[in-house]
Amino acid sequence: MTTSSAPHTTKGHVKRDPLQPVWVGGPGRAVTIFDAGDPEWYQGNQIPPLVIPNGKQCFYMANVQSTATQFVKMVDASGATKFQLQGASSSGSNMTPLGSNYFVANNPLDTYSLSIGAYQGNTLVWSRVVLGYINLYLGATVYCYNYVYVADDWTDNDNANCSVSIYWLMYAG
């Protein structure tokens, strides 16, 4: 298990077993699980799971790498939105939460899906296909499986990719 022992950010694109968990080292510490500047990860590779204590709060931030992508949301198996993020349309912009910026993992084996959205005129349209998921396994630890999202632009057929850097994560002590 990789331990974040220093207060600075540990990059998640470091070469290692993609299933090797990354331990979030303590309150206020963050681990970047995907670096949008690393083109190696634009191929939909799986990102290492992050481990947090059971019942702790998972905080999420995001970063967009497409002028079309303006929103990210996570929904549970019932389709209910757990959180939603909004970002400016410029490449690399930070996204800010709409409403709560965290959720508490409290249901065993829940599967959460992420979707990216953009405006078509005055209508917010979400991607047709969810390209990844997060499973939260409860027990001694919570494993947050995170994926890189690379999608064809669903608004037309120009094959323009838009990617979302998922995520920053930290837990409240």
N, C-alpha and C. Protein backbone atom coordinates (compact mmCIF):
# COMPACT_ATOMS: atom_id res chain seq x y z
N MET A 1 0.84 -1.18 0.00
CA MET A 1 0.00 0.00 0.00
C MET A 1 0.88 1.24 0.00
N THR A 2 0.56 2.15 -0.88
CA THR A 2 1.34 3.37 -0.98
C THR A 2 0.84 4.38 0.04
N THR A 3 1.71 4.94 0.81
CA THR A 3 1.32 5.87 1.86
C THR A 3 1.74 7.28 1.48
N SER A 4 0.82 8.21 1.66
CA SER A 4 1.14 9.62 1.45
C SER A 4 1.67 10.17 2.76
N SER A 5 2.99 10.18 2.91
CA SER A 5 3.58 10.57 4.18
C SER A 5 3.94 12.05 4.22
N ALA A 6 4.00 12.68 3.05
CA ALA A 6 4.35 14.09 2.99
C ALA A 6 3.09 14.92 2.79
N PRO A 7 3.10 16.15 3.24
CA PRO A 7 1.89 16.96 3.11
C PRO A 7 1.59 17.41 1.69
N HIS A 8 2.58 17.30 0.79
CA HIS A 8 2.33 17.74 -0.57
C HIS A 8 1.57 16.67 -1.35
N THR A 9 1.11 17.03 -2.52
CA THR A 9 0.29 16.14 -3.32
C THR A 9 1.09 14.98 -3.87
N THR A 10 0.49 13.80 -3.84
CA THR A 10 1.07 12.63 -4.46
C THR A 10 0.35 12.39 -5.77
N LYS A 11 1.07 12.37 -6.88
CA LYS A 11 0.43 12.20 -8.18
C LYS A 11 0.02 10.75 -8.40
N GLY A 12 -1.20 10.57 -8.89
CA GLY A 12 -1.73 9.23 -9.09
C GLY A 12 -1.28 8.57 -10.37
N HIS A 13 -0.56 9.28 -11.26
CA HIS A 13 -0.15 8.65 -12.49
C HIS A 13 1.23 8.03 -12.40
N VAL A 14 1.78 7.96 -11.18
CA VAL A 14 3.06 7.28 -10.98
C VAL A 14 2.91 5.82 -11.40
N LYS A 15 3.93 5.29 -12.06
CA LYS A 15 3.87 3.91 -12.54
C LYS A 15 3.73 2.94 -11.37
N ARG A 16 2.68 2.15 -11.38
CA ARG A 16 2.51 1.11 -10.38
C ARG A 16 1.33 0.25 -10.79
N ASP A 17 1.12 -0.81 -10.03
CA ASP A 17 -0.01 -1.68 -10.27
C ASP A 17 -1.29 -0.85 -10.23
N PRO A 18 -2.12 -0.87 -11.28
CA PRO A 18 -3.31 -0.02 -11.30
C PRO A 18 -4.34 -0.38 -10.23
N LEU A 19 -4.21 -1.57 -9.64
CA LEU A 19 -5.15 -1.95 -8.58
C LEU A 19 -4.59 -1.72 -7.19
N GLN A 20 -3.36 -1.20 -7.11
CA GLN A 20 -2.76 -0.94 -5.80
C GLN A 20 -3.41 0.28 -5.16
N PRO A 21 -4.00 0.12 -3.99
CA PRO A 21 -4.66 1.27 -3.36
C PRO A 21 -3.69 2.39 -2.99
N VAL A 22 -4.19 3.59 -2.98
CA VAL A 22 -3.44 4.75 -2.52
C VAL A 22 -4.09 5.21 -1.23
N TRP A 23 -3.33 5.21 -0.16
CA TRP A 23 -3.86 5.62 1.14
C TRP A 23 -3.86 7.12 1.28
N VAL A 24 -5.01 7.67 1.60
CA VAL A 24 -5.09 9.10 1.86
C VAL A 24 -4.58 9.30 3.28
N GLY A 25 -3.43 9.98 3.40
CA GLY A 25 -2.62 9.88 4.60
C GLY A 25 -3.12 10.54 5.85
N GLY A 26 -4.10 11.43 5.80
CA GLY A 26 -4.56 12.05 7.03
C GLY A 26 -5.44 13.25 6.73
N PRO A 27 -6.04 13.85 7.73
CA PRO A 27 -6.92 15.00 7.53
C PRO A 27 -6.21 16.12 6.77
N GLY A 28 -6.89 16.64 5.77
CA GLY A 28 -6.33 17.76 5.03
C GLY A 28 -5.34 17.36 3.95
N ARG A 29 -5.02 16.08 3.86
CA ARG A 29 -4.10 15.62 2.82
C ARG A 29 -4.91 15.27 1.57
N ALA A 30 -4.32 15.46 0.43
CA ALA A 30 -5.02 15.15 -0.82
C ALA A 30 -4.13 14.32 -1.71
N VAL A 31 -4.74 13.50 -2.52
CA VAL A 31 -4.02 12.70 -3.50
C VAL A 31 -4.62 12.99 -4.87
N THR A 32 -3.78 13.36 -5.82
CA THR A 32 -4.24 13.53 -7.19
C THR A 32 -4.17 12.18 -7.86
N ILE A 33 -5.30 11.67 -8.31
CA ILE A 33 -5.28 10.33 -8.91
C ILE A 33 -5.17 10.38 -10.41
N PHE A 34 -5.26 11.55 -10.98
CA PHE A 34 -5.08 11.68 -12.42
C PHE A 34 -4.53 13.06 -12.72
N ASP A 35 -3.48 13.09 -13.51
CA ASP A 35 -2.87 14.34 -13.91
C ASP A 35 -3.23 14.58 -15.37
N ALA A 36 -4.05 15.59 -15.61
CA ALA A 36 -4.53 15.85 -16.97
C ALA A 36 -3.40 16.21 -17.92
N GLY A 37 -2.24 16.57 -17.37
CA GLY A 37 -1.11 16.92 -18.20
C GLY A 37 -0.34 15.72 -18.71
N ASP A 38 -0.72 14.54 -18.27
CA ASP A 38 -0.02 13.32 -18.66
C ASP A 38 -0.83 12.59 -19.74
N PRO A 39 -0.45 12.70 -21.01
CA PRO A 39 -1.26 12.12 -22.09
C PRO A 39 -1.36 10.61 -22.02
N GLU A 40 -0.46 10.00 -21.25
CA GLU A 40 -0.52 8.55 -21.10
C GLU A 40 -1.87 8.10 -20.56
N TRP A 41 -2.51 8.94 -19.77
CA TRP A 41 -3.75 8.55 -19.12
C TRP A 41 -4.99 8.94 -19.92
N TYR A 42 -4.79 9.41 -21.13
CA TYR A 42 -5.95 9.76 -21.94
C TYR A 42 -6.58 8.57 -22.64
N GLN A 43 -6.07 7.38 -22.38
CA GLN A 43 -6.57 6.19 -23.06
C GLN A 43 -7.57 5.39 -22.22
N GLY A 44 -8.12 6.01 -21.20
CA GLY A 44 -9.15 5.33 -20.41
C GLY A 44 -8.59 4.34 -19.42
N ASN A 45 -7.33 4.51 -19.02
CA ASN A 45 -6.74 3.58 -18.06
C ASN A 45 -7.43 3.69 -16.70
N GLN A 46 -7.42 2.57 -16.00
CA GLN A 46 -7.97 2.59 -14.64
C GLN A 46 -7.00 3.29 -13.71
N ILE A 47 -7.53 4.07 -12.82
CA ILE A 47 -6.75 4.80 -11.83
C ILE A 47 -6.77 3.99 -10.53
N PRO A 48 -5.69 3.99 -9.76
CA PRO A 48 -5.67 3.23 -8.51
C PRO A 48 -6.81 3.65 -7.57
N PRO A 49 -7.38 2.69 -6.86
CA PRO A 49 -8.39 3.05 -5.87
C PRO A 49 -7.79 3.87 -4.74
N LEU A 50 -8.60 4.70 -4.14
CA LEU A 50 -8.19 5.46 -2.97
C LEU A 50 -8.87 4.87 -1.75
N VAL A 51 -8.16 4.83 -0.66
CA VAL A 51 -8.66 4.20 0.56
C VAL A 51 -8.89 5.26 1.62
N ILE A 52 -10.07 5.28 2.17
CA ILE A 52 -10.37 6.19 3.27
C ILE A 52 -11.09 5.41 4.37
N PRO A 53 -11.05 5.89 5.59
CA PRO A 53 -11.74 5.18 6.67
C PRO A 53 -13.24 5.10 6.43
N ASN A 54 -13.83 4.02 6.89
CA ASN A 54 -15.26 3.81 6.74
C ASN A 54 -16.05 4.98 7.32
N GLY A 55 -17.00 5.48 6.54
CA GLY A 55 -17.90 6.52 7.01
C GLY A 55 -17.35 7.93 6.93
N LYS A 56 -16.09 8.08 6.49
CA LYS A 56 -15.54 9.42 6.36
C LYS A 56 -16.11 10.11 5.13
N GLN A 57 -15.93 11.41 5.07
CA GLN A 57 -16.48 12.17 3.95
C GLN A 57 -15.51 12.18 2.78
N CYS A 58 -15.99 11.83 1.59
CA CYS A 58 -15.19 11.90 0.37
C CYS A 58 -15.44 13.26 -0.29
N PHE A 59 -14.40 14.06 -0.38
CA PHE A 59 -14.52 15.37 -1.01
C PHE A 59 -14.01 15.28 -2.44
N TYR A 60 -14.73 15.89 -3.34
CA TYR A 60 -14.35 15.81 -4.74
C TYR A 60 -14.20 17.20 -5.36
N MET A 61 -13.18 17.32 -6.18
CA MET A 61 -13.03 18.47 -7.06
C MET A 61 -12.73 17.90 -8.44
N ALA A 62 -12.79 18.72 -9.45
CA ALA A 62 -12.50 18.22 -10.79
C ALA A 62 -11.88 19.31 -11.63
N ASN A 63 -11.51 18.93 -12.79
CA ASN A 63 -10.76 19.77 -13.70
C ASN A 63 -11.18 19.37 -15.11
N VAL A 64 -11.47 20.30 -15.96
CA VAL A 64 -11.92 19.95 -17.30
C VAL A 64 -10.84 20.23 -18.32
N GLN A 65 -10.79 19.41 -19.34
CA GLN A 65 -9.81 19.57 -20.42
C GLN A 65 -10.53 19.66 -21.76
N SER A 66 -11.67 20.33 -21.79
CA SER A 66 -12.40 20.50 -23.02
C SER A 66 -13.19 21.79 -22.92
N THR A 67 -13.25 22.52 -24.01
CA THR A 67 -14.01 23.77 -23.99
C THR A 67 -15.51 23.49 -23.99
N ALA A 68 -15.88 22.24 -24.26
CA ALA A 68 -17.31 21.90 -24.30
C ALA A 68 -17.83 21.41 -22.96
N THR A 69 -16.95 20.84 -22.13
CA THR A 69 -17.39 20.20 -20.90
C THR A 69 -17.53 21.23 -19.79
N GLN A 70 -18.70 21.36 -19.24
CA GLN A 70 -18.95 22.37 -18.22
C GLN A 70 -19.43 21.80 -16.91
N PHE A 71 -19.88 20.57 -16.91
CA PHE A 71 -20.47 19.99 -15.71
C PHE A 71 -20.03 18.54 -15.54
N VAL A 72 -19.96 18.13 -14.28
CA VAL A 72 -19.75 16.73 -13.94
C VAL A 72 -20.73 16.41 -12.82
N LYS A 73 -21.37 15.27 -12.89
CA LYS A 73 -22.23 14.86 -11.78
C LYS A 73 -22.02 13.39 -11.50
N MET A 74 -22.29 13.01 -10.25
CA MET A 74 -22.23 11.63 -9.84
C MET A 74 -23.61 11.21 -9.38
N VAL A 75 -24.09 10.09 -9.87
CA VAL A 75 -25.41 9.59 -9.49
C VAL A 75 -25.26 8.20 -8.89
N ASP A 76 -26.20 7.87 -8.00
CA ASP A 76 -26.18 6.52 -7.44
C ASP A 76 -27.00 5.59 -8.33
N ALA A 77 -27.16 4.34 -7.87
CA ALA A 77 -27.81 3.33 -8.70
C ALA A 77 -29.26 3.69 -9.01
N SER A 78 -29.89 4.49 -8.17
CA SER A 78 -31.28 4.87 -8.39
C SER A 78 -31.41 6.07 -9.34
N GLY A 79 -30.26 6.65 -9.68
CA GLY A 79 -30.28 7.82 -10.55
C GLY A 79 -30.26 9.14 -9.81
N ALA A 80 -30.27 9.07 -8.48
CA ALA A 80 -30.24 10.31 -7.68
C ALA A 80 -28.85 10.94 -7.74
N THR A 81 -28.80 12.24 -7.91
CA THR A 81 -27.52 12.94 -7.98
C THR A 81 -26.92 13.07 -6.59
N LYS A 82 -25.70 12.56 -6.44
CA LYS A 82 -25.00 12.67 -5.16
C LYS A 82 -24.25 13.99 -5.07
N PHE A 83 -23.63 14.40 -6.15
CA PHE A 83 -23.06 15.73 -6.20
C PHE A 83 -22.91 16.14 -7.65
N GLN A 84 -22.80 17.45 -7.85
CA GLN A 84 -22.64 17.99 -9.19
C GLN A 84 -21.65 19.14 -9.13
N LEU A 85 -20.81 19.20 -10.15
CA LEU A 85 -19.77 20.21 -10.22
C LEU A 85 -19.96 21.04 -11.48
N GLN A 86 -19.65 22.31 -11.37
CA GLN A 86 -19.74 23.19 -12.52
C GLN A 86 -18.38 23.85 -12.74
N GLY A 87 -17.98 23.97 -13.99
CA GLY A 87 -16.71 24.61 -14.30
C GLY A 87 -16.84 25.53 -15.49
N ALA A 88 -15.94 26.48 -15.58
CA ALA A 88 -15.90 27.32 -16.75
C ALA A 88 -15.53 26.48 -17.96
N SER A 89 -15.76 27.01 -19.14
CA SER A 89 -15.57 26.20 -20.34
C SER A 89 -14.15 26.24 -20.87
N SER A 90 -13.24 26.91 -20.17
CA SER A 90 -11.86 26.96 -20.65
C SER A 90 -11.10 25.72 -20.22
N SER A 91 -10.16 25.31 -21.03
CA SER A 91 -9.39 24.10 -20.74
C SER A 91 -8.65 24.23 -19.42
N GLY A 92 -8.75 23.18 -18.61
CA GLY A 92 -8.01 23.15 -17.36
C GLY A 92 -8.64 23.95 -16.23
N SER A 93 -9.85 24.40 -16.41
CA SER A 93 -10.48 25.20 -15.36
C SER A 93 -10.87 24.34 -14.18
N ASN A 94 -10.78 24.89 -12.98
CA ASN A 94 -11.25 24.17 -11.80
C ASN A 94 -12.76 24.21 -11.77
N MET A 95 -13.33 23.14 -11.25
CA MET A 95 -14.78 23.07 -11.15
C MET A 95 -15.18 23.28 -9.70
N THR A 96 -16.31 23.92 -9.51
CA THR A 96 -16.80 24.21 -8.16
C THR A 96 -18.10 23.45 -7.92
N PRO A 97 -18.38 23.07 -6.67
CA PRO A 97 -19.57 22.28 -6.40
C PRO A 97 -20.85 23.11 -6.51
N LEU A 98 -21.89 22.46 -6.97
CA LEU A 98 -23.23 23.02 -6.93
C LEU A 98 -23.93 22.33 -5.76
N GLY A 99 -24.11 23.04 -4.68
CA GLY A 99 -24.61 22.42 -3.47
C GLY A 99 -23.46 21.82 -2.69
N SER A 100 -23.69 20.66 -2.09
CA SER A 100 -22.68 20.02 -1.26
C SER A 100 -21.50 19.55 -2.10
N ASN A 101 -20.29 19.67 -1.55
CA ASN A 101 -19.10 19.20 -2.26
C ASN A 101 -18.58 17.89 -1.68
N TYR A 102 -19.43 17.15 -0.98
CA TYR A 102 -18.97 15.88 -0.43
C TYR A 102 -20.16 14.93 -0.30
N PHE A 103 -19.86 13.69 -0.14
CA PHE A 103 -20.87 12.73 0.28
C PHE A 103 -20.23 11.82 1.29
N VAL A 104 -21.04 11.16 2.09
CA VAL A 104 -20.54 10.22 3.08
C VAL A 104 -20.88 8.82 2.59
N ALA A 105 -19.85 7.99 2.50
CA ALA A 105 -20.05 6.61 2.05
C ALA A 105 -20.72 5.82 3.18
N ASN A 106 -21.97 5.48 2.99
CA ASN A 106 -22.69 4.81 4.08
C ASN A 106 -23.56 3.65 3.61
N ASN A 107 -23.42 3.25 2.37
CA ASN A 107 -24.17 2.10 1.88
C ASN A 107 -23.21 1.10 1.26
N PRO A 108 -23.22 -0.15 1.73
CA PRO A 108 -22.26 -1.13 1.22
C PRO A 108 -22.48 -1.43 -0.25
N LEU A 109 -21.38 -1.52 -0.98
CA LEU A 109 -21.35 -1.96 -2.37
C LEU A 109 -22.20 -1.10 -3.29
N ASP A 110 -22.40 0.14 -2.93
CA ASP A 110 -23.07 1.05 -3.84
C ASP A 110 -22.20 1.31 -5.06
N THR A 111 -22.82 1.47 -6.19
CA THR A 111 -22.12 1.84 -7.40
C THR A 111 -22.58 3.23 -7.81
N TYR A 112 -21.63 4.10 -8.06
CA TYR A 112 -21.92 5.47 -8.45
C TYR A 112 -21.39 5.72 -9.85
N SER A 113 -22.17 6.40 -10.65
CA SER A 113 -21.77 6.68 -12.02
C SER A 113 -21.54 8.16 -12.21
N LEU A 114 -20.57 8.49 -13.06
CA LEU A 114 -20.28 9.87 -13.38
C LEU A 114 -20.67 10.18 -14.81
N SER A 115 -21.13 11.39 -15.03
CA SER A 115 -21.52 11.82 -16.36
C SER A 115 -21.01 13.24 -16.58
N ILE A 116 -20.67 13.57 -17.80
CA ILE A 116 -20.23 14.93 -18.11
C ILE A 116 -21.29 15.62 -18.94
N GLY A 117 -21.44 16.93 -18.74
CA GLY A 117 -22.50 17.68 -19.38
C GLY A 117 -22.03 18.98 -19.99
N ALA A 118 -22.78 19.44 -20.97
CA ALA A 118 -22.49 20.72 -21.61
C ALA A 118 -23.79 21.29 -22.16
N TYR A 119 -23.80 22.57 -22.35
CA TYR A 119 -25.00 23.22 -22.88
C TYR A 119 -25.08 23.10 -24.39
N GLN A 120 -26.27 22.79 -24.88
CA GLN A 120 -26.62 22.95 -26.28
C GLN A 120 -27.66 24.05 -26.33
N GLY A 121 -27.24 25.22 -26.72
CA GLY A 121 -28.14 26.37 -26.63
C GLY A 121 -28.40 26.67 -25.17
N ASN A 122 -29.66 26.63 -24.76
CA ASN A 122 -30.02 26.88 -23.36
C ASN A 122 -30.30 25.60 -22.59
N THR A 123 -30.04 24.46 -23.18
CA THR A 123 -30.35 23.18 -22.55
C THR A 123 -29.07 22.47 -22.13
N LEU A 124 -29.02 22.05 -20.88
CA LEU A 124 -27.89 21.27 -20.38
C LEU A 124 -28.10 19.81 -20.76
N VAL A 125 -27.18 19.28 -21.54
CA VAL A 125 -27.29 17.90 -22.03
C VAL A 125 -26.17 17.07 -21.41
N TRP A 126 -26.56 15.92 -20.85
CA TRP A 126 -25.58 15.03 -20.22
C TRP A 126 -25.17 13.95 -21.20
N SER A 127 -23.95 13.47 -21.06
CA SER A 127 -23.43 12.44 -21.95
C SER A 127 -24.34 11.22 -21.94
N ARG A 128 -24.49 10.62 -23.09
CA ARG A 128 -25.39 9.48 -23.21
C ARG A 128 -24.85 8.24 -22.51
N VAL A 129 -23.55 8.09 -22.52
CA VAL A 129 -22.94 6.88 -21.97
C VAL A 129 -22.08 7.26 -20.77
N VAL A 130 -22.33 6.62 -19.67
CA VAL A 130 -21.46 6.81 -18.50
C VAL A 130 -20.21 5.97 -18.72
N LEU A 131 -19.07 6.61 -18.62
CA LEU A 131 -17.83 5.97 -19.06
C LEU A 131 -17.00 5.40 -17.93
N GLY A 132 -17.53 5.42 -16.73
CA GLY A 132 -16.78 4.87 -15.62
C GLY A 132 -17.70 4.79 -14.41
N TYR A 133 -17.16 4.33 -13.33
CA TYR A 133 -17.97 4.23 -12.12
C TYR A 133 -17.07 4.25 -10.91
N ILE A 134 -17.68 4.44 -9.77
CA ILE A 134 -16.97 4.39 -8.50
C ILE A 134 -17.70 3.39 -7.62
N ASN A 135 -17.00 2.42 -7.12
CA ASN A 135 -17.57 1.50 -6.14
C ASN A 135 -17.01 1.84 -4.77
N LEU A 136 -17.87 1.91 -3.80
CA LEU A 136 -17.45 2.18 -2.43
C LEU A 136 -17.71 0.93 -1.61
N TYR A 137 -16.63 0.26 -1.21
CA TYR A 137 -16.75 -0.95 -0.43
C TYR A 137 -16.54 -0.62 1.05
N LEU A 138 -17.55 -0.89 1.84
CA LEU A 138 -17.46 -0.55 3.25
C LEU A 138 -16.95 -1.73 4.05
N GLY A 139 -16.24 -1.41 5.09
CA GLY A 139 -15.66 -2.42 5.96
C GLY A 139 -14.67 -1.69 6.83
N ALA A 140 -13.49 -2.22 6.94
CA ALA A 140 -12.45 -1.51 7.68
C ALA A 140 -12.03 -0.24 6.95
N THR A 141 -12.14 -0.29 5.62
CA THR A 141 -11.80 0.87 4.80
C THR A 141 -12.85 1.04 3.72
N VAL A 142 -12.83 2.17 3.09
CA VAL A 142 -13.69 2.41 1.93
C VAL A 142 -12.77 2.53 0.72
N TYR A 143 -13.02 1.75 -0.28
CA TYR A 143 -12.23 1.81 -1.49
C TYR A 143 -13.00 2.62 -2.54
N CYS A 144 -12.43 3.71 -2.96
CA CYS A 144 -13.06 4.53 -3.98
C CYS A 144 -12.36 4.26 -5.31
N TYR A 145 -13.00 3.55 -6.19
CA TYR A 145 -12.41 3.26 -7.49
C TYR A 145 -12.73 4.41 -8.43
N ASN A 146 -11.72 4.95 -9.04
CA ASN A 146 -11.89 6.13 -9.87
C ASN A 146 -11.34 5.87 -11.26
N TYR A 147 -12.00 6.42 -12.24
CA TYR A 147 -11.62 6.20 -13.61
C TYR A 147 -11.43 7.53 -14.34
N VAL A 148 -10.63 7.49 -15.38
CA VAL A 148 -10.51 8.63 -16.28
C VAL A 148 -11.67 8.55 -17.27
N TYR A 149 -12.24 9.67 -17.56
CA TYR A 149 -13.35 9.73 -18.48
C TYR A 149 -12.91 10.38 -19.78
N VAL A 150 -12.93 9.63 -20.85
CA VAL A 150 -12.65 10.19 -22.17
C VAL A 150 -13.84 9.84 -23.05
N ALA A 151 -14.53 10.86 -23.53
CA ALA A 151 -15.76 10.63 -24.28
C ALA A 151 -15.73 11.37 -25.61
N ASP A 152 -16.35 10.78 -26.60
CA ASP A 152 -16.57 11.53 -27.81
C ASP A 152 -17.57 12.63 -27.50
N ASP A 153 -17.43 13.74 -28.15
CA ASP A 153 -18.37 14.84 -27.98
C ASP A 153 -19.74 14.36 -28.45
N TRP A 154 -20.68 14.20 -27.54
CA TRP A 154 -21.97 13.61 -27.86
C TRP A 154 -22.91 14.59 -28.57
N THR A 155 -22.49 15.84 -28.71
CA THR A 155 -23.37 16.82 -29.33
C THR A 155 -23.31 16.77 -30.85
N ASP A 156 -22.30 16.12 -31.41
CA ASP A 156 -22.18 16.02 -32.87
C ASP A 156 -21.32 14.82 -33.20
N ASN A 157 -20.88 14.71 -34.43
CA ASN A 157 -20.10 13.56 -34.85
C ASN A 157 -18.70 13.95 -35.31
N ASP A 158 -18.12 14.96 -34.67
CA ASP A 158 -16.82 15.44 -35.13
C ASP A 158 -15.65 14.73 -34.44
N ASN A 159 -15.97 13.73 -33.64
CA ASN A 159 -14.94 12.94 -32.95
C ASN A 159 -14.06 13.76 -32.02
N ALA A 160 -14.56 14.90 -31.58
CA ALA A 160 -13.78 15.72 -30.64
C ALA A 160 -13.90 15.12 -29.25
N ASN A 161 -12.77 14.75 -28.68
CA ASN A 161 -12.79 14.17 -27.35
C ASN A 161 -12.85 15.23 -26.27
N CYS A 162 -13.54 14.94 -25.21
CA CYS A 162 -13.49 15.78 -24.04
C CYS A 162 -13.19 14.88 -22.85
N SER A 163 -12.25 15.27 -22.03
CA SER A 163 -11.86 14.43 -20.91
C SER A 163 -12.02 15.20 -19.61
N VAL A 164 -12.29 14.48 -18.57
CA VAL A 164 -12.46 15.06 -17.24
C VAL A 164 -11.45 14.42 -16.31
N SER A 165 -10.69 15.22 -15.62
CA SER A 165 -9.71 14.70 -14.67
C SER A 165 -10.42 14.38 -13.36
N ILE A 166 -10.50 13.14 -13.03
CA ILE A 166 -11.17 12.71 -11.82
C ILE A 166 -10.08 12.24 -10.85
N TYR A 167 -10.09 12.65 -9.74
CA TYR A 167 -10.57 13.75 -8.94
C TYR A 167 -9.51 14.08 -7.92
N TRP A 168 -9.71 15.10 -7.17
CA TRP A 168 -9.02 15.26 -5.90
C TRP A 168 -9.89 14.60 -4.84
N LEU A 169 -9.25 14.00 -3.88
CA LEU A 169 -10.02 13.41 -2.78
C LEU A 169 -9.27 13.63 -1.48
N MET A 170 -10.02 14.02 -0.45
CA MET A 170 -9.45 14.07 0.89
C MET A 170 -10.57 13.70 1.86
N TYR A 171 -10.23 13.44 3.08
CA TYR A 171 -11.30 13.15 4.02
C TYR A 171 -11.18 14.05 5.23
N ALA A 172 -12.32 14.27 5.84
CA ALA A 172 -12.37 15.10 7.03
C ALA A 172 -11.96 14.27 8.23
N GLY A 173 -11.08 14.82 9.05
CA GLY A 173 -10.64 14.10 10.23
C GLY A 173 -11.70 14.08 11.31
